[in-house]
Amino acid sequence: MKNYKAIIISALLFASAGVFAEEHAAGALKHAEHAVTHGKAGHAPVLVEHAEKALDHAKTGESVATGEAKTHLSAGIKSLEDSIAHGKQNHAEIATKSAEEAVEHLKAANL
């Protein structure tokens, strides 16, 4: 009986970690999409704000994600870091391209 309880508890913990990662990946995607929108409008400082929020969510999700989702979250994090660096230099066009790459990776992580 103890073995069954342990198996059930382990399964629930594993499933909840996946949900936790998905929630943060979705939050990261939302903010990355806002970063792209503002970047296309030439608003580099606002792009940075959203990219930083997306980065926080992506890092949290990456810490519990596994497999392909983790791979895409890691790639999205790299793109967000690039976007933030260029946005802080007021290079909205380059920052936007990096944010768009992040969006693609974050979409893939949400599948």
PDB file of N, CA and C in Angstrom:
ATOM      1  N   MET A   1       0.818  -1.201   0.000  1.00  0.00           N
ATOM      2  CA  MET A   1       0.000   0.000   0.000  1.00  0.00           C
ATOM      3  C   MET A   1       0.866   1.271   0.000  1.00  0.00           C
ATOM      4  N   LYS A   2       1.970   1.210   0.764  1.00  0.00           N
ATOM      5  CA  LYS A   2       2.858   2.375   0.807  1.00  0.00           C
ATOM      6  C   LYS A   2       3.459   2.667  -0.564  1.00  0.00           C
ATOM      7  N   ASN A   3       3.755   1.608  -1.322  1.00  0.00           N
ATOM      8  CA  ASN A   3       4.326   1.790  -2.651  1.00  0.00           C
ATOM      9  C   ASN A   3       3.345   2.484  -3.589  1.00  0.00           C
ATOM     10  N   TYR A   4       2.074   2.135  -3.485  1.00  0.00           N
ATOM     11  CA  TYR A   4       1.055   2.773  -4.323  1.00  0.00           C
ATOM     12  C   TYR A   4       0.930   4.254  -3.991  1.00  0.00           C
ATOM     13  N   LYS A   5       0.959   4.582  -2.713  1.00  0.00           N
ATOM     14  CA  LYS A   5       0.885   5.990  -2.302  1.00  0.00           C
ATOM     15  C   LYS A   5       2.082   6.758  -2.834  1.00  0.00           C
ATOM     16  N   ALA A   6       3.246   6.170  -2.729  1.00  0.00           N
ATOM     17  CA  ALA A   6       4.457   6.829  -3.217  1.00  0.00           C
ATOM     18  C   ALA A   6       4.395   7.050  -4.723  1.00  0.00           C
ATOM     19  N   ILE A   7       3.879   6.073  -5.447  1.00  0.00           N
ATOM     20  CA  ILE A   7       3.764   6.195  -6.904  1.00  0.00           C
ATOM     21  C   ILE A   7       2.769   7.294  -7.266  1.00  0.00           C
ATOM     22  N   ILE A   8       1.646   7.321  -6.588  1.00  0.00           N
ATOM     23  CA  ILE A   8       0.624   8.339  -6.864  1.00  0.00           C
ATOM     24  C   ILE A   8       1.146   9.731  -6.541  1.00  0.00           C
ATOM     25  N   ILE A   9       1.794   9.881  -5.400  1.00  0.00           N
ATOM     26  CA  ILE A   9       2.339  11.186  -5.017  1.00  0.00           C
ATOM     27  C   ILE A   9       3.399  11.634  -6.019  1.00  0.00           C
ATOM     28  N   SER A  10       4.277  10.727  -6.420  1.00  0.00           N
ATOM     29  CA  SER A  10       5.314  11.063  -7.408  1.00  0.00           C
ATOM     30  C   SER A  10       4.694  11.493  -8.730  1.00  0.00           C
ATOM     31  N   ALA A  11       3.669  10.786  -9.166  1.00  0.00           N
ATOM     32  CA  ALA A  11       3.006  11.128 -10.430  1.00  0.00           C
ATOM     33  C   ALA A  11       2.358  12.504 -10.353  1.00  0.00           C
ATOM     34  N   LEU A  12       1.727  12.808  -9.230  1.00  0.00           N
ATOM     35  CA  LEU A  12       1.093  14.115  -9.069  1.00  0.00           C
ATOM     36  C   LEU A  12       2.120  15.236  -9.047  1.00  0.00           C
ATOM     37  N   LEU A  13       3.221  15.015  -8.363  1.00  0.00           N
ATOM     38  CA  LEU A  13       4.275  16.034  -8.330  1.00  0.00           C
ATOM     39  C   LEU A  13       4.864  16.252  -9.712  1.00  0.00           C
ATOM     40  N   PHE A  14       5.087  15.181 -10.447  1.00  0.00           N
ATOM     41  CA  PHE A  14       5.640  15.289 -11.796  1.00  0.00           C
ATOM     42  C   PHE A  14       4.678  16.043 -12.701  1.00  0.00           C
ATOM     43  N   ALA A  15       3.403  15.724 -12.624  1.00  0.00           N
ATOM     44  CA  ALA A  15       2.392  16.391 -13.458  1.00  0.00           C
ATOM     45  C   ALA A  15       2.275  17.861 -13.101  1.00  0.00           C
ATOM     46  N   SER A  16       2.334  18.198 -11.827  1.00  0.00           N
ATOM     47  CA  SER A  16       2.199  19.599 -11.432  1.00  0.00           C
ATOM     48  C   SER A  16       3.406  20.414 -11.872  1.00  0.00           C
ATOM     49  N   ALA A  17       4.597  19.803 -11.915  1.00  0.00           N
ATOM     50  CA  ALA A  17       5.777  20.512 -12.398  1.00  0.00           C
ATOM     51  C   ALA A  17       5.617  20.880 -13.863  1.00  0.00           C
ATOM     52  N   GLY A  18       5.026  19.985 -14.653  1.00  0.00           N
ATOM     53  CA  GLY A  18       4.780  20.277 -16.063  1.00  0.00           C
ATOM     54  C   GLY A  18       3.803  21.410 -16.242  1.00  0.00           C
ATOM     55  N   VAL A  19       2.767  21.439 -15.429  1.00  0.00           N
ATOM     56  CA  VAL A  19       1.782  22.524 -15.485  1.00  0.00           C
ATOM     57  C   VAL A  19       2.436  23.837 -15.094  1.00  0.00           C
ATOM     58  N   PHE A  20       3.274  23.794 -14.072  1.00  0.00           N
ATOM     59  CA  PHE A  20       3.982  24.992 -13.611  1.00  0.00           C
ATOM     60  C   PHE A  20       4.853  25.560 -14.725  1.00  0.00           C
ATOM     61  N   ALA A  21       5.578  24.676 -15.423  1.00  0.00           N
ATOM     62  CA  ALA A  21       6.431  25.112 -16.534  1.00  0.00           C
ATOM     63  C   ALA A  21       5.588  25.715 -17.650  1.00  0.00           C
ATOM     64  N   GLU A  22       4.455  25.078 -17.966  1.00  0.00           N
ATOM     65  CA  GLU A  22       3.587  25.578 -19.034  1.00  0.00           C
ATOM     66  C   GLU A  22       3.030  26.964 -18.698  1.00  0.00           C
ATOM     67  N   GLU A  23       2.644  27.169 -17.439  1.00  0.00           N
ATOM     68  CA  GLU A  23       2.104  28.477 -17.041  1.00  0.00           C
ATOM     69  C   GLU A  23       3.143  29.573 -17.241  1.00  0.00           C
ATOM     70  N   HIS A  24       4.384  29.282 -16.862  1.00  0.00           N
ATOM     71  CA  HIS A  24       5.429  30.296 -17.022  1.00  0.00           C
ATOM     72  C   HIS A  24       5.818  30.481 -18.481  1.00  0.00           C
ATOM     73  N   ALA A  25       5.794  29.411 -19.251  1.00  0.00           N
ATOM     74  CA  ALA A  25       6.079  29.541 -20.678  1.00  0.00           C
ATOM     75  C   ALA A  25       5.007  30.407 -21.343  1.00  0.00           C
ATOM     76  N   ALA A  26       3.763  30.239 -20.915  1.00  0.00           N
ATOM     77  CA  ALA A  26       2.672  31.056 -21.468  1.00  0.00           C
ATOM     78  C   ALA A  26       2.840  32.520 -21.065  1.00  0.00           C
ATOM     79  N   GLY A  27       3.234  32.771 -19.826  1.00  0.00           N
ATOM     80  CA  GLY A  27       3.480  34.146 -19.382  1.00  0.00           C
ATOM     81  C   GLY A  27       4.634  34.767 -20.140  1.00  0.00           C
ATOM     82  N   ALA A  28       5.675  33.984 -20.360  1.00  0.00           N
ATOM     83  CA  ALA A  28       6.824  34.475 -21.125  1.00  0.00           C
ATOM     84  C   ALA A  28       6.416  34.815 -22.548  1.00  0.00           C
ATOM     85  N   LEU A  29       5.594  33.955 -23.151  1.00  0.00           N
ATOM     86  CA  LEU A  29       5.133  34.195 -24.519  1.00  0.00           C
ATOM     87  C   LEU A  29       4.328  35.486 -24.606  1.00  0.00           C
ATOM     88  N   LYS A  30       3.432  35.692 -23.658  1.00  0.00           N
ATOM     89  CA  LYS A  30       2.598  36.900 -23.670  1.00  0.00           C
ATOM     90  C   LYS A  30       3.465  38.160 -23.636  1.00  0.00           C
ATOM     91  N   HIS A  31       4.433  38.189 -22.739  1.00  0.00           N
ATOM     92  CA  HIS A  31       5.283  39.377 -22.627  1.00  0.00           C
ATOM     93  C   HIS A  31       6.230  39.515 -23.825  1.00  0.00           C
ATOM     94  N   ALA A  32       6.699  38.404 -24.358  1.00  0.00           N
ATOM     95  CA  ALA A  32       7.565  38.477 -25.537  1.00  0.00           C
ATOM     96  C   ALA A  32       6.791  39.036 -26.736  1.00  0.00           C
ATOM     97  N   GLU A  33       5.532  38.639 -26.861  1.00  0.00           N
ATOM     98  CA  GLU A  33       4.704  39.182 -27.949  1.00  0.00           C
ATOM     99  C   GLU A  33       4.486  40.685 -27.769  1.00  0.00           C
ATOM    100  N   HIS A  34       4.299  41.133 -26.526  1.00  0.00           N
ATOM    101  CA  HIS A  34       4.168  42.575 -26.272  1.00  0.00           C
ATOM    102  C   HIS A  34       5.481  43.292 -26.611  1.00  0.00           C
ATOM    103  N   ALA A  35       6.605  42.649 -26.299  1.00  0.00           N
ATOM    104  CA  ALA A  35       7.904  43.237 -26.624  1.00  0.00           C
ATOM    105  C   ALA A  35       8.031  43.437 -28.132  1.00  0.00           C
ATOM    106  N   VAL A  36       7.603  42.451 -28.906  1.00  0.00           N
ATOM    107  CA  VAL A  36       7.659  42.558 -30.374  1.00  0.00           C
ATOM    108  C   VAL A  36       6.788  43.716 -30.849  1.00  0.00           C
ATOM    109  N   THR A  37       5.587  43.802 -30.317  1.00  0.00           N
ATOM    110  CA  THR A  37       4.666  44.874 -30.720  1.00  0.00           C
ATOM    111  C   THR A  37       5.289  46.245 -30.474  1.00  0.00           C
ATOM    112  N   HIS A  38       5.845  46.434 -29.298  1.00  0.00           N
ATOM    113  CA  HIS A  38       6.448  47.738 -28.975  1.00  0.00           C
ATOM    114  C   HIS A  38       7.735  47.976 -29.758  1.00  0.00           C
ATOM    115  N   GLY A  39       8.477  46.912 -30.004  1.00  0.00           N
ATOM    116  CA  GLY A  39       9.689  47.061 -30.802  1.00  0.00           C
ATOM    117  C   GLY A  39       9.384  47.505 -32.218  1.00  0.00           C
ATOM    118  N   LYS A  40       8.330  46.937 -32.794  1.00  0.00           N
ATOM    119  CA  LYS A  40       7.934  47.336 -34.151  1.00  0.00           C
ATOM    120  C   LYS A  40       7.496  48.789 -34.201  1.00  0.00           C
ATOM    121  N   ALA A  41       7.016  49.306 -33.070  1.00  0.00           N
ATOM    122  CA  ALA A  41       6.611  50.711 -32.997  1.00  0.00           C
ATOM    123  C   ALA A  41       7.803  51.616 -32.661  1.00  0.00           C
ATOM    124  N   GLY A  42       8.993  51.003 -32.488  1.00  0.00           N
ATOM    125  CA  GLY A  42      10.185  51.788 -32.186  1.00  0.00           C
ATOM    126  C   GLY A  42      10.329  52.161 -30.723  1.00  0.00           C
ATOM    127  N   HIS A  43       9.561  51.529 -29.852  1.00  0.00           N
ATOM    128  CA  HIS A  43       9.586  51.842 -28.413  1.00  0.00           C
ATOM    129  C   HIS A  43      10.556  50.904 -27.690  1.00  0.00           C
ATOM    130  N   ALA A  44      11.840  51.124 -27.866  1.00  0.00           N
ATOM    131  CA  ALA A  44      12.847  50.234 -27.290  1.00  0.00           C
ATOM    132  C   ALA A  44      12.737  50.111 -25.764  1.00  0.00           C
ATOM    133  N   PRO A  45      12.520  51.207 -25.018  1.00  0.00           N
ATOM    134  CA  PRO A  45      12.431  51.057 -23.554  1.00  0.00           C
ATOM    135  C   PRO A  45      11.263  50.168 -23.110  1.00  0.00           C
ATOM    136  N   VAL A  46      10.134  50.252 -23.794  1.00  0.00           N
ATOM    137  CA  VAL A  46       8.975  49.424 -23.439  1.00  0.00           C
ATOM    138  C   VAL A  46       9.227  47.983 -23.859  1.00  0.00           C
ATOM    139  N   LEU A  47       9.896  47.803 -24.997  1.00  0.00           N
ATOM    140  CA  LEU A  47      10.295  46.464 -25.417  1.00  0.00           C
ATOM    141  C   LEU A  47      11.134  45.818 -24.315  1.00  0.00           C
ATOM    142  N   VAL A  48      12.088  46.553 -23.770  1.00  0.00           N
ATOM    143  CA  VAL A  48      12.957  46.026 -22.713  1.00  0.00           C
ATOM    144  C   VAL A  48      12.140  45.617 -21.493  1.00  0.00           C
ATOM    145  N   GLU A  49      11.173  46.440 -21.102  1.00  0.00           N
ATOM    146  CA  GLU A  49      10.332  46.115 -19.942  1.00  0.00           C
ATOM    147  C   GLU A  49       9.640  44.765 -20.130  1.00  0.00           C
ATOM    148  N   HIS A  50       9.030  44.584 -21.279  1.00  0.00           N
ATOM    149  CA  HIS A  50       8.307  43.330 -21.540  1.00  0.00           C
ATOM    150  C   HIS A  50       9.267  42.148 -21.726  1.00  0.00           C
ATOM    151  N   ALA A  51      10.386  42.388 -22.373  1.00  0.00           N
ATOM    152  CA  ALA A  51      11.360  41.310 -22.567  1.00  0.00           C
ATOM    153  C   ALA A  51      11.918  40.848 -21.219  1.00  0.00           C
ATOM    154  N   GLU A  52      12.121  41.782 -20.293  1.00  0.00           N
ATOM    155  CA  GLU A  52      12.616  41.401 -18.966  1.00  0.00           C
ATOM    156  C   GLU A  52      11.574  40.582 -18.202  1.00  0.00           C
ATOM    157  N   LYS A  53      10.303  40.940 -18.325  1.00  0.00           N
ATOM    158  CA  LYS A  53       9.241  40.158 -17.686  1.00  0.00           C
ATOM    159  C   LYS A  53       9.159  38.773 -18.314  1.00  0.00           C
ATOM    160  N   ALA A  54       9.277  38.730 -19.642  1.00  0.00           N
ATOM    161  CA  ALA A  54       9.266  37.443 -20.344  1.00  0.00           C
ATOM    162  C   ALA A  54      10.444  36.589 -19.897  1.00  0.00           C
ATOM    163  N   LEU A  55      11.592  37.214 -19.737  1.00  0.00           N
ATOM    164  CA  LEU A  55      12.794  36.500 -19.318  1.00  0.00           C
ATOM    165  C   LEU A  55      12.613  35.883 -17.926  1.00  0.00           C
ATOM    166  N   ASP A  56      12.024  36.630 -17.007  1.00  0.00           N
ATOM    167  CA  ASP A  56      11.768  36.099 -15.660  1.00  0.00           C
ATOM    168  C   ASP A  56      10.886  34.859 -15.719  1.00  0.00           C
ATOM    169  N   HIS A  57       9.796  34.949 -16.492  1.00  0.00           N
ATOM    170  CA  HIS A  57       8.890  33.800 -16.635  1.00  0.00           C
ATOM    171  C   HIS A  57       9.600  32.615 -17.293  1.00  0.00           C
ATOM    172  N   ALA A  58      10.361  32.897 -18.334  1.00  0.00           N
ATOM    173  CA  ALA A  58      11.039  31.822 -19.066  1.00  0.00           C
ATOM    174  C   ALA A  58      12.054  31.104 -18.179  1.00  0.00           C
ATOM    175  N   LYS A  59      12.791  31.864 -17.389  1.00  0.00           N
ATOM    176  CA  LYS A  59      13.778  31.246 -16.497  1.00  0.00           C
ATOM    177  C   LYS A  59      13.101  30.377 -15.441  1.00  0.00           C
ATOM    178  N   THR A  60      11.985  30.844 -14.908  1.00  0.00           N
ATOM    179  CA  THR A  60      11.254  30.049 -13.921  1.00  0.00           C
ATOM    180  C   THR A  60      10.718  28.776 -14.560  1.00  0.00           C
ATOM    181  N   GLY A  61      10.153  28.898 -15.746  1.00  0.00           N
ATOM    182  CA  GLY A  61       9.648  27.723 -16.450  1.00  0.00           C
ATOM    183  C   GLY A  61      10.748  26.754 -16.811  1.00  0.00           C
ATOM    184  N   GLU A  62      11.889  27.276 -17.225  1.00  0.00           N
ATOM    185  CA  GLU A  62      13.012  26.424 -17.612  1.00  0.00           C
ATOM    186  C   GLU A  62      13.504  25.582 -16.432  1.00  0.00           C
ATOM    187  N   SER A  63      13.413  26.142 -15.234  1.00  0.00           N
ATOM    188  CA  SER A  63      13.927  25.432 -14.062  1.00  0.00           C
ATOM    189  C   SER A  63      13.166  24.139 -13.763  1.00  0.00           C
ATOM    190  N   VAL A  64      11.928  24.033 -14.238  1.00  0.00           N
ATOM    191  CA  VAL A  64      11.142  22.820 -13.981  1.00  0.00           C
ATOM    192  C   VAL A  64      10.768  22.064 -15.256  1.00  0.00           C
ATOM    193  N   ALA A  65      11.059  22.655 -16.411  1.00  0.00           N
ATOM    194  CA  ALA A  65      10.704  22.016 -17.686  1.00  0.00           C
ATOM    195  C   ALA A  65      11.654  20.856 -17.976  1.00  0.00           C
ATOM    196  N   THR A  66      11.203  19.989 -18.866  1.00  0.00           N
ATOM    197  CA  THR A  66      12.025  18.862 -19.303  1.00  0.00           C
ATOM    198  C   THR A  66      11.925  18.709 -20.816  1.00  0.00           C
ATOM    199  N   GLY A  67      12.851  17.966 -21.372  1.00  0.00           N
ATOM    200  CA  GLY A  67      12.789  17.598 -22.782  1.00  0.00           C
ATOM    201  C   GLY A  67      12.827  18.770 -23.736  1.00  0.00           C
ATOM    202  N   GLU A  68      11.997  18.645 -24.769  1.00  0.00           N
ATOM    203  CA  GLU A  68      11.973  19.646 -25.837  1.00  0.00           C
ATOM    204  C   GLU A  68      11.519  21.014 -25.335  1.00  0.00           C
ATOM    205  N   ALA A  69      10.589  21.034 -24.380  1.00  0.00           N
ATOM    206  CA  ALA A  69      10.129  22.312 -23.825  1.00  0.00           C
ATOM    207  C   ALA A  69      11.291  23.061 -23.182  1.00  0.00           C
ATOM    208  N   LYS A  70      12.131  22.344 -22.447  1.00  0.00           N
ATOM    209  CA  LYS A  70      13.284  22.967 -21.795  1.00  0.00           C
ATOM    210  C   LYS A  70      14.263  23.509 -22.838  1.00  0.00           C
ATOM    211  N   THR A  71      14.477  22.742 -23.904  1.00  0.00           N
ATOM    212  CA  THR A  71      15.378  23.167 -24.974  1.00  0.00           C
ATOM    213  C   THR A  71      14.899  24.471 -25.600  1.00  0.00           C
ATOM    214  N   HIS A  72      13.592  24.545 -25.880  1.00  0.00           N
ATOM    215  CA  HIS A  72      13.050  25.764 -26.488  1.00  0.00           C
ATOM    216  C   HIS A  72      13.037  26.931 -25.503  1.00  0.00           C
ATOM    217  N   LEU A  73      12.765  26.662 -24.238  1.00  0.00           N
ATOM    218  CA  LEU A  73      12.818  27.732 -23.243  1.00  0.00           C
ATOM    219  C   LEU A  73      14.234  28.287 -23.131  1.00  0.00           C
ATOM    220  N   SER A  74      15.225  27.413 -23.149  1.00  0.00           N
ATOM    221  CA  SER A  74      16.625  27.858 -23.089  1.00  0.00           C
ATOM    222  C   SER A  74      16.979  28.736 -24.283  1.00  0.00           C
ATOM    223  N   ALA A  75      16.553  28.332 -25.456  1.00  0.00           N
ATOM    224  CA  ALA A  75      16.811  29.128 -26.663  1.00  0.00           C
ATOM    225  C   ALA A  75      16.057  30.449 -26.601  1.00  0.00           C
ATOM    226  N   GLY A  76      14.833  30.418 -26.084  1.00  0.00           N
ATOM    227  CA  GLY A  76      14.054  31.645 -25.924  1.00  0.00           C
ATOM    228  C   GLY A  76      14.716  32.600 -24.951  1.00  0.00           C
ATOM    229  N   ILE A  77      15.294  32.059 -23.895  1.00  0.00           N
ATOM    230  CA  ILE A  77      16.003  32.890 -22.908  1.00  0.00           C
ATOM    231  C   ILE A  77      17.174  33.606 -23.569  1.00  0.00           C
ATOM    232  N   LYS A  78      17.943  32.886 -24.366  1.00  0.00           N
ATOM    233  CA  LYS A  78      19.074  33.496 -25.074  1.00  0.00           C
ATOM    234  C   LYS A  78      18.596  34.622 -25.987  1.00  0.00           C
ATOM    235  N   SER A  79      17.514  34.388 -26.710  1.00  0.00           N
ATOM    236  CA  SER A  79      16.975  35.427 -27.604  1.00  0.00           C
ATOM    237  C   SER A  79      16.475  36.622 -26.814  1.00  0.00           C
ATOM    238  N   LEU A  80      15.827  36.385 -25.676  1.00  0.00           N
ATOM    239  CA  LEU A  80      15.347  37.493 -24.840  1.00  0.00           C
ATOM    240  C   LEU A  80      16.511  38.304 -24.284  1.00  0.00           C
ATOM    241  N   GLU A  81      17.578  37.624 -23.869  1.00  0.00           N
ATOM    242  CA  GLU A  81      18.754  38.338 -23.361  1.00  0.00           C
ATOM    243  C   GLU A  81      19.358  39.218 -24.450  1.00  0.00           C
ATOM    244  N   ASP A  82      19.410  38.698 -25.671  1.00  0.00           N
ATOM    245  CA  ASP A  82      19.906  39.500 -26.805  1.00  0.00           C
ATOM    246  C   ASP A  82      18.990  40.691 -27.059  1.00  0.00           C
ATOM    247  N   SER A  83      17.687  40.448 -27.005  1.00  0.00           N
ATOM    248  CA  SER A  83      16.714  41.511 -27.233  1.00  0.00           C
ATOM    249  C   SER A  83      16.868  42.622 -26.196  1.00  0.00           C
ATOM    250  N   ILE A  84      17.028  42.242 -24.955  1.00  0.00           N
ATOM    251  CA  ILE A  84      17.185  43.225 -23.874  1.00  0.00           C
ATOM    252  C   ILE A  84      18.463  44.037 -24.073  1.00  0.00           C
ATOM    253  N   ALA A  85      19.553  43.356 -24.405  1.00  0.00           N
ATOM    254  CA  ALA A  85      20.829  44.047 -24.606  1.00  0.00           C
ATOM    255  C   ALA A  85      20.727  45.075 -25.725  1.00  0.00           C
ATOM    256  N   HIS A  86      20.118  44.695 -26.841  1.00  0.00           N
ATOM    257  CA  HIS A  86      19.973  45.644 -27.957  1.00  0.00           C
ATOM    258  C   HIS A  86      18.966  46.730 -27.638  1.00  0.00           C
ATOM    259  N   GLY A  87      17.895  46.384 -26.950  1.00  0.00           N
ATOM    260  CA  GLY A  87      16.897  47.376 -26.579  1.00  0.00           C
ATOM    261  C   GLY A  87      17.459  48.441 -25.658  1.00  0.00           C
ATOM    262  N   LYS A  88      18.332  48.035 -24.748  1.00  0.00           N
ATOM    263  CA  LYS A  88      18.959  48.998 -23.836  1.00  0.00           C
ATOM    264  C   LYS A  88      19.890  49.953 -24.576  1.00  0.00           C
ATOM    265  N   GLN A  89      20.354  49.539 -25.746  1.00  0.00           N
ATOM    266  CA  GLN A  89      21.179  50.411 -26.593  1.00  0.00           C
ATOM    267  C   GLN A  89      20.313  51.211 -27.566  1.00  0.00           C
ATOM    268  N   ASN A  90      19.003  51.082 -27.411  1.00  0.00           N
ATOM    269  CA  ASN A  90      18.009  51.763 -28.253  1.00  0.00           C
ATOM    270  C   ASN A  90      18.053  51.283 -29.705  1.00  0.00           C
ATOM    271  N   HIS A  91      18.447  50.041 -29.897  1.00  0.00           N
ATOM    272  CA  HIS A  91      18.445  49.417 -31.228  1.00  0.00           C
ATOM    273  C   HIS A  91      17.148  48.623 -31.372  1.00  0.00           C
ATOM    274  N   ALA A  92      16.057  49.337 -31.551  1.00  0.00           N
ATOM    275  CA  ALA A  92      14.730  48.708 -31.546  1.00  0.00           C
ATOM    276  C   ALA A  92      14.578  47.638 -32.624  1.00  0.00           C
ATOM    277  N   GLU A  93      15.109  47.878 -33.808  1.00  0.00           N
ATOM    278  CA  GLU A  93      14.934  46.923 -34.905  1.00  0.00           C
ATOM    279  C   GLU A  93      15.619  45.588 -34.610  1.00  0.00           C
ATOM    280  N   ILE A  94      16.858  45.649 -34.158  1.00  0.00           N
ATOM    281  CA  ILE A  94      17.590  44.419 -33.840  1.00  0.00           C
ATOM    282  C   ILE A  94      16.970  43.729 -32.630  1.00  0.00           C
ATOM    283  N   ALA A  95      16.585  44.528 -31.628  1.00  0.00           N
ATOM    284  CA  ALA A  95      15.946  43.977 -30.430  1.00  0.00           C
ATOM    285  C   ALA A  95      14.643  43.275 -30.786  1.00  0.00           C
ATOM    286  N   THR A  96      13.915  43.840 -31.723  1.00  0.00           N
ATOM    287  CA  THR A  96      12.645  43.244 -32.152  1.00  0.00           C
ATOM    288  C   THR A  96      12.872  41.899 -32.824  1.00  0.00           C
ATOM    289  N   LYS A  97      13.900  41.808 -33.662  1.00  0.00           N
ATOM    290  CA  LYS A  97      14.199  40.527 -34.331  1.00  0.00           C
ATOM    291  C   LYS A  97      14.518  39.450 -33.299  1.00  0.00           C
ATOM    292  N   SER A  98      15.280  39.809 -32.281  1.00  0.00           N
ATOM    293  CA  SER A  98      15.594  38.835 -31.224  1.00  0.00           C
ATOM    294  C   SER A  98      14.339  38.456 -30.448  1.00  0.00           C
ATOM    295  N   ALA A  99      13.466  39.427 -30.196  1.00  0.00           N
ATOM    296  CA  ALA A  99      12.212  39.140 -29.492  1.00  0.00           C
ATOM    297  C   ALA A  99      11.327  38.224 -30.338  1.00  0.00           C
ATOM    298  N   GLU A 100      11.329  38.432 -31.659  1.00  0.00           N
ATOM    299  CA  GLU A 100      10.558  37.553 -32.545  1.00  0.00           C
ATOM    300  C   GLU A 100      11.089  36.120 -32.496  1.00  0.00           C
ATOM    301  N   GLU A 101      12.415  35.980 -32.438  1.00  0.00           N
ATOM    302  CA  GLU A 101      13.002  34.636 -32.308  1.00  0.00           C
ATOM    303  C   GLU A 101      12.558  34.007 -30.989  1.00  0.00           C
ATOM    304  N   ALA A 102      12.548  34.803 -29.935  1.00  0.00           N
ATOM    305  CA  ALA A 102      12.100  34.304 -28.620  1.00  0.00           C
ATOM    306  C   ALA A 102      10.664  33.827 -28.698  1.00  0.00           C
ATOM    307  N   VAL A 103       9.817  34.584 -29.375  1.00  0.00           N
ATOM    308  CA  VAL A 103       8.402  34.207 -29.515  1.00  0.00           C
ATOM    309  C   VAL A 103       8.279  32.833 -30.169  1.00  0.00           C
ATOM    310  N   GLU A 104       9.062  32.606 -31.219  1.00  0.00           N
ATOM    311  CA  GLU A 104       8.991  31.311 -31.906  1.00  0.00           C
ATOM    312  C   GLU A 104       9.399  30.165 -30.979  1.00  0.00           C
ATOM    313  N   HIS A 105      10.456  30.369 -30.223  1.00  0.00           N
ATOM    314  CA  HIS A 105      10.902  29.323 -29.284  1.00  0.00           C
ATOM    315  C   HIS A 105       9.880  29.115 -28.164  1.00  0.00           C
ATOM    316  N   LEU A 106       9.308  30.200 -27.667  1.00  0.00           N
ATOM    317  CA  LEU A 106       8.348  30.082 -26.584  1.00  0.00           C
ATOM    318  C   LEU A 106       7.058  29.416 -27.054  1.00  0.00           C
ATOM    319  N   LYS A 107       6.679  29.671 -28.304  1.00  0.00           N
ATOM    320  CA  LYS A 107       5.519  28.972 -28.869  1.00  0.00           C
ATOM    321  C   LYS A 107       5.795  27.476 -28.942  1.00  0.00           C
ATOM    322  N   ALA A 108       6.983  27.133 -29.369  1.00  0.00           N
ATOM    323  CA  ALA A 108       7.362  25.722 -29.461  1.00  0.00           C
ATOM    324  C   ALA A 108       7.398  25.069 -28.078  1.00  0.00           C
ATOM    325  N   ALA A 109       7.798  25.819 -27.074  1.00  0.00           N
ATOM    326  CA  ALA A 109       7.850  25.293 -25.702  1.00  0.00           C
ATOM    327  C   ALA A 109       6.460  25.069 -25.147  1.00  0.00           C
ATOM    328  N   ASN A 110       5.480  25.808 -25.650  1.00  0.00           N
ATOM    329  CA  ASN A 110       4.101  25.697 -25.153  1.00  0.00           C
ATOM    330  C   ASN A 110       3.326  24.554 -25.779  1.00  0.00           C
ATOM    331  N   LEU A 111       3.884  23.884 -26.775  1.00  0.00           N
ATOM    332  CA  LEU A 111       3.156  22.794 -27.458  1.00  0.00           C
ATOM    333  C   LEU A 111       2.952  21.610 -26.572  1.00  0.00           C
TER     334      LEU A 111
END
